[in-house]
């Protein structure tokens, strides 16, 4: 049984515990942090009153889409270690939502002088503005290669439609993917030029998508060693994102903001425990005693 289910009457008291978990200084700062937004549903109460099946007066509840802002840290020492550093429920992925979230990480110690080398993000411009506001040009800002190639694939399906073009689409994507396997930025640019010349006439939209902000997708070339390889190879990022999204979407719809906060906290604790090789038995018992320490 999840820890928050065992303490339904303590939801109002758990908020200080969650605030402490998201404000305490980080003891170890990863060299790479990925920012992402995960869309979920939450129920909100309206002022409209209706009668339920037993003719009782109840305020109508409606579903609302919210986004969970997530900062996922990666270590590049070969251990494969990863950890969700922070999270925040917001109404959208605006600059106003991202700025305090990124700044809170800065306040908790996620800075270049403590070990941060690079951040990975999707193409959301307002997240880019928030990162620039907090970090300026002190870190490498890498666009997610996985999302870049996914967008190219989407455009290729628009321009090369049908089963008859399946093999052609595969050839295009293989050549596009090979760009990011280059050993240097110069080689990646040469491969992009060849790919663009080969496919521009048949798939102009796909090529334009590949070329757009291309330098941001090879920003990792400014890094040394394993960190650069981690950014260039997106499989670990994709697996982590998929697991995070799967865990949160299992809930389908959160019943209230407070219930959502507790459920998210428990799921993040569960994921971090798995990634750090801890057992859920150990972590759940730690949560149990944390909840017992709350004021009655």
Protein backbone atom coordinates (compact mmCIF):
# COMPACT_ATOMS: atom_id res chain seq x y z
CA UNK A 1 0.00 0.00 0.00
CA UNK A 2 1.33 3.49 -0.84
CA UNK A 3 2.41 5.56 2.11
CA UNK A 4 -0.01 8.43 1.37
CA UNK A 5 -3.00 6.02 1.35
CA UNK A 6 -2.19 5.00 4.93
CA UNK A 7 -2.46 8.63 6.09
CA UNK A 8 -5.51 10.16 4.35
CA UNK A 9 -6.23 12.37 7.36
CA UNK A 10 -2.78 13.92 7.23
CA UNK A 11 -2.81 15.44 3.76
CA UNK A 12 -3.04 18.94 5.21
CA UNK A 13 -0.01 18.31 7.42
CA UNK A 14 2.28 16.82 4.77
CA UNK A 15 2.82 20.09 2.88
CA UNK A 16 5.76 21.23 5.09
CA UNK A 17 7.46 17.87 4.46
CA UNK A 18 7.09 18.29 0.72
CA UNK A 19 8.32 21.88 0.84
CA UNK A 20 11.38 20.76 2.76
CA UNK A 21 12.11 18.02 0.20
CA UNK A 22 11.99 20.59 -2.63
CA UNK A 23 13.94 23.35 -0.92
CA UNK A 24 16.78 21.58 0.90
CA UNK A 25 20.26 22.15 -0.60
CA UNK A 26 21.37 19.31 -2.86
CA UNK A 27 24.33 17.40 -1.45
CA UNK A 28 25.52 16.30 -4.88
CA UNK A 29 25.03 18.25 -8.09
CA UNK A 30 24.92 16.25 -11.34
CA UNK A 31 26.89 17.54 -14.34
CA UNK A 32 23.84 17.22 -16.63
CA UNK A 33 20.23 18.23 -15.91
CA UNK A 34 17.32 17.66 -18.28
CA UNK A 35 14.18 19.79 -18.02
CA UNK A 36 10.85 18.39 -19.17
CA UNK A 37 7.12 18.97 -18.82
CA UNK A 38 4.64 16.10 -18.30
CA UNK A 39 0.96 16.84 -18.88
CA UNK A 40 -1.51 15.32 -16.40
CA UNK A 41 -5.13 15.77 -15.37
CA UNK A 42 -6.39 17.10 -12.06
CA UNK A 43 -9.94 17.48 -10.74
CA UNK A 44 -11.00 20.91 -9.51
CA UNK A 45 -14.12 21.91 -7.60
CA UNK A 46 -16.47 24.50 -9.10
CA UNK A 47 -19.16 26.66 -7.49
CA UNK A 48 -21.91 24.80 -9.37
CA UNK A 49 -23.99 22.61 -7.05
CA UNK A 50 -25.65 19.41 -8.27
CA UNK A 51 -27.45 16.45 -6.70
CA UNK A 52 -25.71 13.08 -6.60
CA UNK A 53 -27.45 9.68 -6.96
CA UNK A 54 -28.57 9.84 -3.33
CA UNK A 55 -29.93 13.38 -3.83
CA UNK A 56 -27.17 14.95 -1.77
CA UNK A 57 -25.93 18.40 -2.75
CA UNK A 58 -22.37 18.28 -4.07
CA UNK A 59 -20.21 20.81 -5.82
CA UNK A 60 -19.49 19.79 -9.39
CA UNK A 61 -15.94 18.70 -10.20
CA UNK A 62 -14.30 19.12 -13.58
CA UNK A 63 -11.07 17.83 -15.03
CA UNK A 64 -8.26 20.24 -15.77
CA UNK A 65 -5.00 19.65 -17.59
CA UNK A 66 -1.88 20.65 -15.66
CA UNK A 67 1.81 20.19 -16.37
CA UNK A 68 4.37 18.68 -14.04
CA UNK A 69 7.70 20.48 -14.49
CA UNK A 70 10.55 18.05 -13.84
CA UNK A 71 14.31 18.43 -13.46
CA UNK A 72 16.10 15.11 -14.01
CA UNK A 73 19.80 14.93 -13.13
CA UNK A 74 22.40 12.58 -14.68
CA UNK A 75 25.87 11.69 -13.47
CA UNK A 76 28.56 10.98 -16.07
CA UNK A 77 30.94 8.81 -14.06
CA UNK A 78 29.81 5.62 -15.78
CA UNK A 79 27.51 4.56 -12.95
CA UNK A 80 24.32 5.37 -14.84
CA UNK A 81 23.06 7.26 -11.80
CA UNK A 82 20.06 9.55 -12.24
CA UNK A 83 17.73 11.40 -9.91
CA UNK A 84 14.70 13.66 -10.08
CA UNK A 85 16.02 16.80 -8.41
CA UNK A 86 12.86 18.87 -8.28
CA UNK A 87 9.30 19.11 -9.59
CA UNK A 88 6.44 21.59 -9.69
CA UNK A 89 2.80 21.45 -10.81
CA UNK A 90 1.94 24.41 -13.08
CA UNK A 91 -0.83 25.51 -15.40
CA UNK A 92 1.50 25.56 -18.41
CA UNK A 93 5.08 25.70 -19.65
CA UNK A 94 5.32 29.49 -19.72
CA UNK A 95 8.34 31.57 -18.78
CA UNK A 96 6.45 32.63 -15.63
CA UNK A 97 6.19 28.94 -14.62
CA UNK A 98 9.73 27.90 -15.56
CA UNK A 99 11.64 30.87 -14.11
CA UNK A 100 10.93 30.28 -10.38
CA UNK A 101 11.41 26.54 -10.89
CA UNK A 102 14.86 26.97 -12.46
CA UNK A 103 15.79 29.67 -9.94
CA UNK A 104 14.88 27.37 -7.04
CA UNK A 105 17.37 24.81 -8.38
CA UNK A 106 19.99 27.56 -8.52
CA UNK A 107 19.25 28.45 -4.89
CA UNK A 108 19.58 24.77 -3.92
CA UNK A 109 23.09 24.65 -5.39
CA UNK A 110 22.66 23.51 -9.00
CA UNK A 111 25.32 25.85 -10.38
CA UNK A 112 28.41 25.66 -12.60
CA UNK A 113 30.72 26.19 -9.62
CA UNK A 114 29.27 23.09 -7.92
CA UNK A 115 29.58 20.82 -10.94
CA UNK A 116 26.78 21.62 -13.41
CA UNK A 117 28.08 21.48 -16.98
CA UNK A 118 25.04 21.33 -19.25
CA UNK A 119 21.26 21.33 -19.43
CA UNK A 120 19.11 19.48 -21.94
CA UNK A 121 15.77 20.84 -23.04
CA UNK A 122 13.11 20.53 -25.70
CA UNK A 123 12.45 23.33 -28.16
CA UNK A 124 10.18 25.29 -25.79
CA UNK A 125 11.33 28.88 -26.23
CA UNK A 126 10.03 30.07 -22.86
CA UNK A 127 12.06 27.44 -21.03
CA UNK A 128 15.09 28.68 -22.97
CA UNK A 129 14.35 32.22 -21.79
CA UNK A 130 14.10 31.05 -18.18
CA UNK A 131 17.42 29.19 -18.40
CA UNK A 132 19.09 32.24 -19.96
CA UNK A 133 17.71 34.44 -17.18
CA UNK A 134 19.11 32.19 -14.43
CA UNK A 135 22.33 30.84 -15.98
CA UNK A 136 23.16 33.23 -18.80
CA UNK A 137 25.95 31.70 -20.89
CA UNK A 138 27.71 29.93 -18.01
CA UNK A 139 26.55 26.44 -19.05
CA UNK A 140 26.12 24.45 -22.26
CA UNK A 141 22.49 24.42 -23.41
CA UNK A 142 21.76 21.30 -25.43
CA UNK A 143 18.54 20.68 -27.35
CA UNK A 144 17.19 17.16 -27.00
CA UNK A 145 18.34 15.08 -30.00
CA UNK A 146 15.51 12.61 -29.54
CA UNK A 147 12.86 15.30 -29.94
CA UNK A 148 14.69 16.78 -32.92
CA UNK A 149 14.70 13.44 -34.75
CA UNK A 150 11.10 12.75 -33.77
CA UNK A 151 10.05 16.07 -35.31
CA UNK A 152 11.99 15.24 -38.48
CA UNK A 153 10.23 11.86 -38.63
CA UNK A 154 6.83 13.54 -38.26
CA UNK A 155 7.58 15.84 -41.20
CA UNK A 156 8.87 12.96 -43.30
CA UNK A 157 5.56 11.11 -42.81
CA UNK A 158 3.72 14.18 -44.07
CA UNK A 159 5.86 14.40 -47.20
CA UNK A 160 6.47 10.70 -47.88
CA UNK A 161 3.06 9.24 -47.18
CA UNK A 162 1.94 5.66 -47.28
CA UNK A 163 3.39 2.20 -46.99
CA UNK A 164 5.02 2.55 -50.40
CA UNK A 165 7.42 5.19 -48.98
CA UNK A 166 8.20 3.34 -45.77
CA UNK A 167 11.69 2.27 -46.90
CA UNK A 168 12.45 5.78 -48.18
CA UNK A 169 11.47 7.29 -44.83
CA UNK A 170 13.71 4.77 -43.11
CA UNK A 171 16.66 5.79 -45.29
CA UNK A 172 16.07 9.46 -44.49
CA UNK A 173 15.95 8.85 -40.76
CA UNK A 174 19.04 6.64 -40.80
CA UNK A 175 20.98 9.41 -42.53
CA UNK A 176 19.60 12.04 -40.13
CA UNK A 177 20.46 9.89 -37.09
CA UNK A 178 24.00 9.33 -38.39
CA UNK A 179 24.63 13.08 -38.16
CA UNK A 180 24.60 12.83 -34.38
CA UNK A 181 27.01 9.91 -34.31
CA UNK A 182 29.80 12.13 -35.68
CA UNK A 183 32.95 12.40 -33.57
CA UNK A 184 33.16 16.19 -33.88
CA UNK A 185 30.96 19.21 -34.53
CA UNK A 186 32.72 19.80 -37.86
CA UNK A 187 31.95 16.27 -39.01
CA UNK A 188 28.31 16.65 -37.88
CA UNK A 189 27.98 19.82 -39.96
CA UNK A 190 29.41 18.07 -43.00
CA UNK A 191 26.98 15.19 -42.58
CA UNK A 192 24.09 17.65 -42.25
CA UNK A 193 25.09 19.34 -45.48
CA UNK A 194 25.19 16.01 -47.34
CA UNK A 195 21.85 14.92 -45.87
CA UNK A 196 20.20 18.25 -46.73
CA UNK A 197 21.49 18.16 -50.32
CA UNK A 198 20.24 14.59 -50.71
CA UNK A 199 16.72 15.10 -49.38
CA UNK A 200 15.80 18.78 -49.74
CA UNK A 201 14.01 18.37 -53.08
CA UNK A 202 11.82 15.47 -51.84
CA UNK A 203 11.29 16.45 -48.21
CA UNK A 204 11.84 20.20 -47.79
CA UNK A 205 9.89 20.39 -44.51
CA UNK A 206 11.84 17.55 -42.92
CA UNK A 207 15.15 19.11 -43.98
CA UNK A 208 14.10 22.53 -42.70
CA UNK A 209 13.19 20.96 -39.34
CA UNK A 210 16.56 19.22 -39.19
CA UNK A 211 18.47 22.43 -39.98
CA UNK A 212 16.47 24.62 -37.58
CA UNK A 213 18.53 25.42 -34.46
CA UNK A 214 20.97 22.68 -35.49
CA UNK A 215 23.87 24.24 -33.57
CA UNK A 216 21.92 23.81 -30.33
CA UNK A 217 21.70 20.06 -30.97
CA UNK A 218 25.50 19.72 -31.20
CA UNK A 219 26.30 22.06 -28.32
CA UNK A 220 27.61 18.99 -26.45
CA UNK A 221 30.76 19.22 -28.57
CA UNK A 222 31.95 21.89 -26.14
CA UNK A 223 32.06 19.31 -23.35
CA UNK A 224 34.76 16.77 -22.65
CA UNK A 225 34.51 13.00 -22.26
CA UNK A 226 31.55 11.07 -21.01
CA UNK A 227 29.23 14.02 -20.50
CA UNK A 228 29.32 14.71 -24.22
CA UNK A 229 28.55 11.06 -25.02
CA UNK A 230 25.65 11.08 -22.58
CA UNK A 231 24.07 14.05 -24.32
CA UNK A 232 24.65 12.67 -27.79
CA UNK A 233 23.17 9.25 -26.97
CA UNK A 234 19.55 9.87 -26.01
CA UNK A 235 18.53 6.32 -25.10
CA UNK A 236 19.02 6.80 -21.37
CA UNK A 237 17.11 10.06 -21.45
CA UNK A 238 14.28 8.46 -23.40
CA UNK A 239 14.05 5.51 -21.01
CA UNK A 240 14.00 7.82 -17.99
CA UNK A 241 11.35 10.08 -19.49
CA UNK A 242 9.20 7.10 -20.46
CA UNK A 243 9.37 5.69 -16.93
CA UNK A 244 8.56 9.05 -15.32
CA UNK A 245 5.59 9.61 -17.63
CA UNK A 246 4.31 6.04 -17.18
CA UNK A 247 4.34 6.29 -13.39
CA UNK A 248 2.44 9.56 -13.28
CA UNK A 249 -0.09 8.62 -15.95
CA UNK A 250 -1.01 5.45 -14.06
CA UNK A 251 -2.99 7.70 -11.74
CA UNK A 252 -5.10 8.95 -14.71
CA UNK A 253 -6.53 11.94 -12.80
CA UNK A 254 -5.61 13.45 -9.44
CA UNK A 255 -8.52 14.18 -7.12
CA UNK A 256 -7.15 17.38 -5.57
CA UNK A 257 -3.99 19.52 -5.57
CA UNK A 258 -2.97 18.26 -2.14
CA UNK A 259 -3.58 14.64 -3.06
CA UNK A 260 -1.63 15.17 -6.28
CA UNK A 261 1.30 16.66 -4.38
CA UNK A 262 1.52 13.65 -2.08
CA UNK A 263 1.07 11.11 -4.88
CA UNK A 264 3.78 12.78 -6.99
CA UNK A 265 6.13 12.93 -4.01
CA UNK A 266 5.72 9.22 -3.35
CA UNK A 267 6.19 8.29 -7.02
CA UNK A 268 9.32 10.43 -7.31
CA UNK A 269 10.70 8.89 -4.14
CA UNK A 270 9.97 5.44 -5.58
CA UNK A 271 11.74 6.20 -8.88
CA UNK A 272 14.77 7.74 -7.20
CA UNK A 273 15.01 4.73 -4.91
CA UNK A 274 15.03 2.34 -7.86
CA UNK A 275 17.67 4.35 -9.72
CA UNK A 276 19.89 4.50 -6.63
CA UNK A 277 19.59 0.71 -6.07
CA UNK A 278 17.70 1.17 -2.80
CA UNK A 279 14.79 -1.13 -2.05
CA UNK A 280 11.28 0.24 -1.84
CA UNK A 281 10.98 -1.49 1.56
CA UNK A 282 13.75 0.73 2.93
CA UNK A 283 12.42 3.90 1.37
CA UNK A 284 8.77 3.30 2.30
CA UNK A 285 9.75 2.74 5.93
CA UNK A 286 11.68 6.00 5.88
CA UNK A 287 8.57 7.75 4.56
CA UNK A 288 6.49 6.03 7.23
CA UNK A 289 8.58 7.50 10.04
CA UNK A 290 8.70 10.91 8.32
CA UNK A 291 4.93 10.96 8.32
CA UNK A 292 4.78 9.80 11.95
CA UNK A 293 6.98 12.73 12.94
CA UNK A 294 4.37 15.18 11.67
CA UNK A 295 2.38 17.02 14.27
CA UNK A 296 -0.87 15.20 15.08
